[in-house]
Amino acid sequence: MARRIQNSTPTWQSYSEDIKGQVGAAPVAEWEGQISEIRLVGGAVQATFRLSGPWAQRDVAIPVLLREPFGGTCRSTAARRDGDLVTYIIELPEAARGEALPWVELKFPHGQRRLPLSEEGLWPQP
């Protein structure tokens, strides 16, 4: 599964179908998670999800996509795990680096959310 995830290339328009076909329909169906925090750090967004079910124990992280206000779309490039929290690292396109982003939109299994960011690049906003 790790190799399939690493080689996956989901697109924004057909994310759900892409990850089912590239990662596997059964593992994608098992993914359960909620966004707990977004943090803009340098040229990357760190999106933290609280996972439950089988994915809370897996050592791999299913790809998450991000869209930013300048029209760029990017895929998570790394993930850090701390118990049932998984922080996805998503490198921003050059056009969005160094900019104060008013929002980011995330696509993940079974969901899509546009989240407003504070001036400090945080969600939830302090």
N, C-alpha and C. Protein backbone atom coordinates (compact mmCIF):
# COMPACT_ATOMS: atom_id res chain seq x y z
N MET A 1 0.83 -1.18 0.00
CA MET A 1 0.00 0.00 0.00
C MET A 1 0.88 1.26 0.00
N ALA A 2 2.00 1.22 0.70
CA ALA A 2 2.88 2.40 0.74
C ALA A 2 3.35 2.79 -0.65
N ARG A 3 3.69 1.82 -1.48
CA ARG A 3 4.14 2.12 -2.84
C ARG A 3 3.00 2.72 -3.66
N ARG A 4 1.79 2.18 -3.52
CA ARG A 4 0.65 2.73 -4.26
C ARG A 4 0.38 4.17 -3.84
N ILE A 5 0.47 4.45 -2.54
CA ILE A 5 0.25 5.81 -2.07
C ILE A 5 1.33 6.75 -2.59
N GLN A 6 2.57 6.32 -2.50
CA GLN A 6 3.68 7.16 -2.97
C GLN A 6 3.57 7.47 -4.46
N ASN A 7 3.10 6.51 -5.24
CA ASN A 7 3.00 6.69 -6.69
C ASN A 7 1.68 7.31 -7.14
N SER A 8 0.77 7.56 -6.21
CA SER A 8 -0.53 8.09 -6.61
C SER A 8 -0.43 9.55 -7.04
N THR A 9 -1.26 9.89 -8.00
CA THR A 9 -1.30 11.25 -8.53
C THR A 9 -2.76 11.71 -8.70
N PRO A 10 -3.47 11.85 -7.58
CA PRO A 10 -4.88 12.28 -7.71
C PRO A 10 -4.98 13.71 -8.20
N THR A 11 -6.01 13.98 -8.97
CA THR A 11 -6.27 15.33 -9.45
C THR A 11 -7.43 15.93 -8.64
N TRP A 12 -7.52 17.26 -8.65
CA TRP A 12 -8.57 17.93 -7.90
C TRP A 12 -9.95 17.52 -8.42
N GLN A 13 -10.11 17.50 -9.73
CA GLN A 13 -11.42 17.24 -10.34
C GLN A 13 -11.92 15.83 -10.06
N SER A 14 -11.05 14.84 -10.03
CA SER A 14 -11.50 13.46 -9.86
C SER A 14 -10.80 12.77 -8.68
N TYR A 15 -10.60 13.53 -7.62
CA TYR A 15 -9.86 13.04 -6.46
C TYR A 15 -10.41 11.70 -5.94
N SER A 16 -11.70 11.63 -5.67
CA SER A 16 -12.28 10.41 -5.09
C SER A 16 -12.04 9.19 -5.97
N GLU A 17 -12.30 9.34 -7.26
CA GLU A 17 -12.10 8.21 -8.17
C GLU A 17 -10.62 7.86 -8.29
N ASP A 18 -9.77 8.90 -8.34
CA ASP A 18 -8.33 8.67 -8.47
C ASP A 18 -7.77 7.88 -7.29
N ILE A 19 -8.09 8.31 -6.06
CA ILE A 19 -7.50 7.60 -4.93
C ILE A 19 -8.06 6.19 -4.77
N LYS A 20 -9.32 6.00 -5.11
CA LYS A 20 -9.87 4.63 -5.07
C LYS A 20 -9.15 3.74 -6.06
N GLY A 21 -8.92 4.26 -7.27
CA GLY A 21 -8.25 3.47 -8.30
C GLY A 21 -6.77 3.30 -8.04
N GLN A 22 -6.10 4.30 -7.48
CA GLN A 22 -4.65 4.26 -7.31
C GLN A 22 -4.22 3.67 -5.97
N VAL A 23 -5.01 3.86 -4.92
CA VAL A 23 -4.67 3.34 -3.59
C VAL A 23 -5.45 2.07 -3.30
N GLY A 24 -6.71 2.02 -3.71
CA GLY A 24 -7.57 0.87 -3.47
C GLY A 24 -8.87 1.31 -2.83
N ALA A 25 -9.97 0.80 -3.32
CA ALA A 25 -11.29 1.22 -2.84
C ALA A 25 -11.51 0.83 -1.38
N ALA A 26 -11.10 -0.36 -0.98
CA ALA A 26 -11.33 -0.80 0.40
C ALA A 26 -10.55 0.05 1.41
N PRO A 27 -9.24 0.30 1.22
CA PRO A 27 -8.55 1.16 2.19
C PRO A 27 -9.11 2.58 2.24
N VAL A 28 -9.49 3.13 1.09
CA VAL A 28 -10.05 4.48 1.07
C VAL A 28 -11.37 4.50 1.83
N ALA A 29 -12.18 3.47 1.67
CA ALA A 29 -13.47 3.41 2.37
C ALA A 29 -13.28 3.38 3.89
N GLU A 30 -12.15 2.85 4.36
CA GLU A 30 -11.87 2.75 5.80
C GLU A 30 -11.37 4.05 6.41
N TRP A 31 -11.01 5.05 5.59
CA TRP A 31 -10.43 6.28 6.11
C TRP A 31 -11.49 7.09 6.84
N GLU A 32 -11.22 7.46 8.09
CA GLU A 32 -12.10 8.30 8.89
C GLU A 32 -11.25 9.36 9.56
N GLY A 33 -11.56 10.63 9.33
CA GLY A 33 -10.77 11.67 9.95
C GLY A 33 -11.47 13.02 9.95
N GLN A 34 -11.03 13.87 10.87
CA GLN A 34 -11.55 15.22 11.00
C GLN A 34 -10.37 16.19 11.06
N ILE A 35 -10.48 17.33 10.40
CA ILE A 35 -9.43 18.34 10.46
C ILE A 35 -9.42 18.95 11.86
N SER A 36 -8.24 19.00 12.47
CA SER A 36 -8.17 19.61 13.79
C SER A 36 -7.39 20.92 13.79
N GLU A 37 -6.47 21.10 12.81
CA GLU A 37 -5.69 22.34 12.78
C GLU A 37 -5.06 22.54 11.41
N ILE A 38 -4.96 23.80 11.00
CA ILE A 38 -4.22 24.20 9.81
C ILE A 38 -3.22 25.24 10.25
N ARG A 39 -1.99 25.12 9.76
CA ARG A 39 -0.94 26.06 10.14
C ARG A 39 -0.09 26.34 8.91
N LEU A 40 0.06 27.63 8.57
CA LEU A 40 0.92 28.05 7.47
C LEU A 40 2.32 28.27 8.05
N VAL A 41 3.29 27.50 7.58
CA VAL A 41 4.66 27.57 8.09
C VAL A 41 5.59 27.74 6.90
N GLY A 42 6.14 28.95 6.75
CA GLY A 42 7.03 29.21 5.62
C GLY A 42 6.30 28.99 4.31
N GLY A 43 6.84 28.15 3.46
CA GLY A 43 6.25 27.87 2.16
C GLY A 43 5.39 26.63 2.13
N ALA A 44 4.89 26.20 3.30
CA ALA A 44 4.09 24.98 3.36
C ALA A 44 2.90 25.16 4.28
N VAL A 45 1.89 24.34 4.04
CA VAL A 45 0.74 24.25 4.92
C VAL A 45 0.85 22.93 5.67
N GLN A 46 0.62 22.99 6.97
CA GLN A 46 0.57 21.79 7.79
C GLN A 46 -0.89 21.59 8.19
N ALA A 47 -1.49 20.53 7.69
CA ALA A 47 -2.89 20.23 7.96
C ALA A 47 -2.95 19.00 8.86
N THR A 48 -3.46 19.18 10.08
CA THR A 48 -3.51 18.09 11.05
C THR A 48 -4.92 17.51 11.10
N PHE A 49 -4.99 16.19 10.97
CA PHE A 49 -6.25 15.45 11.04
C PHE A 49 -6.20 14.52 12.24
N ARG A 50 -7.32 14.35 12.92
CA ARG A 50 -7.46 13.32 13.94
C ARG A 50 -8.14 12.14 13.26
N LEU A 51 -7.42 11.02 13.18
CA LEU A 51 -7.92 9.84 12.49
C LEU A 51 -8.51 8.84 13.47
N SER A 52 -9.44 8.05 12.98
CA SER A 52 -9.99 6.94 13.74
C SER A 52 -10.07 5.73 12.82
N GLY A 53 -10.40 4.60 13.37
CA GLY A 53 -10.47 3.39 12.57
C GLY A 53 -9.09 2.90 12.18
N PRO A 54 -9.00 2.05 11.15
CA PRO A 54 -7.72 1.44 10.76
C PRO A 54 -6.63 2.45 10.42
N TRP A 55 -6.99 3.59 9.86
CA TRP A 55 -5.98 4.57 9.45
C TRP A 55 -5.31 5.26 10.64
N ALA A 56 -5.90 5.17 11.82
CA ALA A 56 -5.28 5.75 13.01
C ALA A 56 -4.02 4.97 13.41
N GLN A 57 -3.89 3.72 12.94
CA GLN A 57 -2.73 2.91 13.27
C GLN A 57 -1.77 2.66 12.10
N ARG A 58 -2.15 3.04 10.91
CA ARG A 58 -1.30 2.76 9.76
C ARG A 58 -0.11 3.70 9.71
N ASP A 59 1.00 3.18 9.19
CA ASP A 59 2.23 3.97 9.08
C ASP A 59 2.30 4.81 7.82
N VAL A 60 1.31 4.69 6.96
CA VAL A 60 1.28 5.46 5.72
C VAL A 60 0.14 6.46 5.79
N ALA A 61 0.20 7.49 4.96
CA ALA A 61 -0.83 8.54 4.95
C ALA A 61 -1.39 8.70 3.55
N ILE A 62 -2.68 8.57 3.44
CA ILE A 62 -3.36 8.72 2.15
C ILE A 62 -3.18 10.15 1.65
N PRO A 63 -3.02 10.38 0.35
CA PRO A 63 -2.79 11.74 -0.15
C PRO A 63 -3.96 12.68 0.11
N VAL A 64 -3.60 13.91 0.47
CA VAL A 64 -4.55 14.99 0.66
C VAL A 64 -4.17 16.08 -0.34
N LEU A 65 -5.18 16.74 -0.92
CA LEU A 65 -4.92 17.82 -1.86
C LEU A 65 -5.31 19.16 -1.25
N LEU A 66 -4.62 20.21 -1.69
CA LEU A 66 -4.89 21.57 -1.22
C LEU A 66 -5.03 22.48 -2.43
N ARG A 67 -6.00 23.40 -2.35
CA ARG A 67 -6.13 24.46 -3.34
C ARG A 67 -6.04 25.78 -2.59
N GLU A 68 -5.31 26.74 -3.16
CA GLU A 68 -5.13 28.04 -2.51
C GLU A 68 -5.72 29.13 -3.40
N PRO A 69 -5.90 30.34 -2.86
CA PRO A 69 -6.62 31.41 -3.57
C PRO A 69 -6.00 31.83 -4.90
N PHE A 70 -4.71 31.58 -5.13
CA PHE A 70 -4.08 31.98 -6.38
C PHE A 70 -4.30 30.96 -7.49
N GLY A 71 -5.06 29.90 -7.19
CA GLY A 71 -5.40 28.90 -8.19
C GLY A 71 -4.52 27.68 -8.21
N GLY A 72 -3.53 27.63 -7.36
CA GLY A 72 -2.64 26.47 -7.32
C GLY A 72 -3.25 25.31 -6.57
N THR A 73 -2.96 24.11 -7.04
CA THR A 73 -3.38 22.88 -6.38
C THR A 73 -2.14 22.05 -6.13
N CYS A 74 -2.02 21.50 -4.93
CA CYS A 74 -0.86 20.68 -4.61
C CYS A 74 -1.26 19.50 -3.74
N ARG A 75 -0.37 18.50 -3.73
CA ARG A 75 -0.58 17.25 -3.03
C ARG A 75 0.32 17.22 -1.80
N SER A 76 -0.14 16.55 -0.76
CA SER A 76 0.71 16.36 0.41
C SER A 76 1.98 15.63 0.00
N THR A 77 3.11 16.06 0.56
CA THR A 77 4.39 15.46 0.20
C THR A 77 4.98 14.64 1.34
N ALA A 78 4.49 14.86 2.55
CA ALA A 78 4.98 14.12 3.71
C ALA A 78 3.90 14.15 4.78
N ALA A 79 4.07 13.31 5.79
CA ALA A 79 3.13 13.28 6.91
C ALA A 79 3.88 12.87 8.17
N ARG A 80 3.49 13.49 9.29
CA ARG A 80 4.05 13.14 10.60
C ARG A 80 2.91 12.60 11.45
N ARG A 81 3.19 11.53 12.15
CA ARG A 81 2.17 10.90 12.99
C ARG A 81 2.52 11.10 14.46
N ASP A 82 1.49 11.43 15.25
CA ASP A 82 1.62 11.51 16.70
C ASP A 82 0.35 10.89 17.28
N GLY A 83 0.39 9.60 17.55
CA GLY A 83 -0.81 8.88 17.99
C GLY A 83 -1.83 8.86 16.87
N ASP A 84 -3.05 9.33 17.18
CA ASP A 84 -4.09 9.35 16.15
C ASP A 84 -4.12 10.66 15.36
N LEU A 85 -3.14 11.55 15.62
CA LEU A 85 -3.02 12.79 14.85
C LEU A 85 -2.01 12.61 13.72
N VAL A 86 -2.41 12.99 12.53
CA VAL A 86 -1.51 12.95 11.38
C VAL A 86 -1.44 14.35 10.80
N THR A 87 -0.22 14.89 10.71
CA THR A 87 -0.01 16.21 10.14
C THR A 87 0.55 16.04 8.74
N TYR A 88 -0.23 16.47 7.76
CA TYR A 88 0.17 16.43 6.36
C TYR A 88 0.94 17.69 6.03
N ILE A 89 2.06 17.55 5.36
CA ILE A 89 2.87 18.68 4.91
C ILE A 89 2.58 18.87 3.43
N ILE A 90 2.15 20.08 3.07
CA ILE A 90 1.78 20.38 1.68
C ILE A 90 2.56 21.61 1.26
N GLU A 91 3.52 21.42 0.37
CA GLU A 91 4.34 22.52 -0.13
C GLU A 91 3.50 23.38 -1.07
N LEU A 92 3.52 24.69 -0.82
CA LEU A 92 2.74 25.62 -1.65
C LEU A 92 3.46 25.91 -2.97
N PRO A 93 2.69 26.23 -4.02
CA PRO A 93 3.31 26.66 -5.27
C PRO A 93 4.03 28.00 -5.06
N GLU A 94 4.98 28.30 -5.90
CA GLU A 94 5.78 29.52 -5.78
C GLU A 94 4.91 30.78 -5.66
N ALA A 95 3.82 30.85 -6.43
CA ALA A 95 2.97 32.04 -6.44
C ALA A 95 2.35 32.33 -5.07
N ALA A 96 2.19 31.30 -4.25
CA ALA A 96 1.53 31.48 -2.95
C ALA A 96 2.51 31.60 -1.79
N ARG A 97 3.78 31.35 -2.03
CA ARG A 97 4.76 31.40 -0.94
C ARG A 97 4.99 32.84 -0.50
N GLY A 98 5.07 33.02 0.79
CA GLY A 98 5.31 34.35 1.33
C GLY A 98 4.09 35.23 1.36
N GLU A 99 2.96 34.73 0.90
CA GLU A 99 1.72 35.50 0.88
C GLU A 99 0.87 35.14 2.09
N ALA A 100 0.08 36.09 2.56
CA ALA A 100 -0.91 35.81 3.60
C ALA A 100 -2.11 35.20 2.90
N LEU A 101 -2.39 33.95 3.15
CA LEU A 101 -3.51 33.28 2.49
C LEU A 101 -4.78 33.47 3.32
N PRO A 102 -5.85 33.98 2.71
CA PRO A 102 -7.09 34.14 3.47
C PRO A 102 -7.80 32.82 3.74
N TRP A 103 -7.54 31.82 2.91
CA TRP A 103 -8.17 30.52 3.07
C TRP A 103 -7.36 29.45 2.33
N VAL A 104 -7.62 28.21 2.68
CA VAL A 104 -7.15 27.06 1.91
C VAL A 104 -8.33 26.10 1.81
N GLU A 105 -8.34 25.31 0.76
CA GLU A 105 -9.37 24.30 0.58
C GLU A 105 -8.68 22.96 0.50
N LEU A 106 -9.18 21.99 1.25
CA LEU A 106 -8.59 20.66 1.29
C LEU A 106 -9.55 19.63 0.74
N LYS A 107 -9.00 18.65 0.01
CA LYS A 107 -9.75 17.47 -0.41
C LYS A 107 -9.09 16.27 0.25
N PHE A 108 -9.90 15.46 0.85
CA PHE A 108 -9.44 14.27 1.56
C PHE A 108 -10.53 13.21 1.40
N PRO A 109 -10.26 11.96 1.74
CA PRO A 109 -11.28 10.94 1.55
C PRO A 109 -12.60 11.33 2.23
N HIS A 110 -13.66 11.27 1.48
CA HIS A 110 -15.02 11.53 1.95
C HIS A 110 -15.26 12.99 2.34
N GLY A 111 -14.41 13.91 1.89
CA GLY A 111 -14.66 15.29 2.28
C GLY A 111 -13.88 16.33 1.51
N GLN A 112 -14.37 17.55 1.64
CA GLN A 112 -13.74 18.73 1.07
C GLN A 112 -14.16 19.91 1.93
N ARG A 113 -13.18 20.75 2.35
CA ARG A 113 -13.50 21.90 3.19
C ARG A 113 -12.65 23.08 2.81
N ARG A 114 -13.29 24.26 2.77
CA ARG A 114 -12.58 25.52 2.62
C ARG A 114 -12.54 26.15 4.01
N LEU A 115 -11.31 26.45 4.46
CA LEU A 115 -11.12 26.93 5.82
C LEU A 115 -10.48 28.32 5.81
N PRO A 116 -11.08 29.28 6.51
CA PRO A 116 -10.50 30.63 6.59
C PRO A 116 -9.29 30.61 7.52
N LEU A 117 -8.24 31.30 7.13
CA LEU A 117 -7.04 31.38 7.96
C LEU A 117 -6.95 32.75 8.61
N SER A 118 -6.39 32.79 9.81
CA SER A 118 -6.14 34.06 10.48
C SER A 118 -4.98 34.76 9.77
N GLU A 119 -4.72 36.00 10.16
CA GLU A 119 -3.58 36.73 9.58
C GLU A 119 -2.27 36.03 9.85
N GLU A 120 -2.22 35.24 10.92
CA GLU A 120 -1.02 34.47 11.25
C GLU A 120 -0.95 33.15 10.51
N GLY A 121 -1.97 32.84 9.70
CA GLY A 121 -1.99 31.60 8.94
C GLY A 121 -2.44 30.40 9.73
N LEU A 122 -3.43 30.59 10.61
CA LEU A 122 -3.92 29.51 11.48
C LEU A 122 -5.41 29.27 11.30
N TRP A 123 -5.80 28.02 11.50
CA TRP A 123 -7.20 27.63 11.66
C TRP A 123 -7.22 26.49 12.67
N PRO A 124 -8.08 26.45 13.63
CA PRO A 124 -9.07 27.49 13.87
C PRO A 124 -8.39 28.79 14.28
N GLN A 125 -9.08 29.87 14.00
CA GLN A 125 -8.51 31.19 14.29
C GLN A 125 -8.50 31.45 15.78
N PRO A 126 -7.38 31.99 16.30
CA PRO A 126 -7.31 32.27 17.74
C PRO A 126 -8.29 33.34 18.17
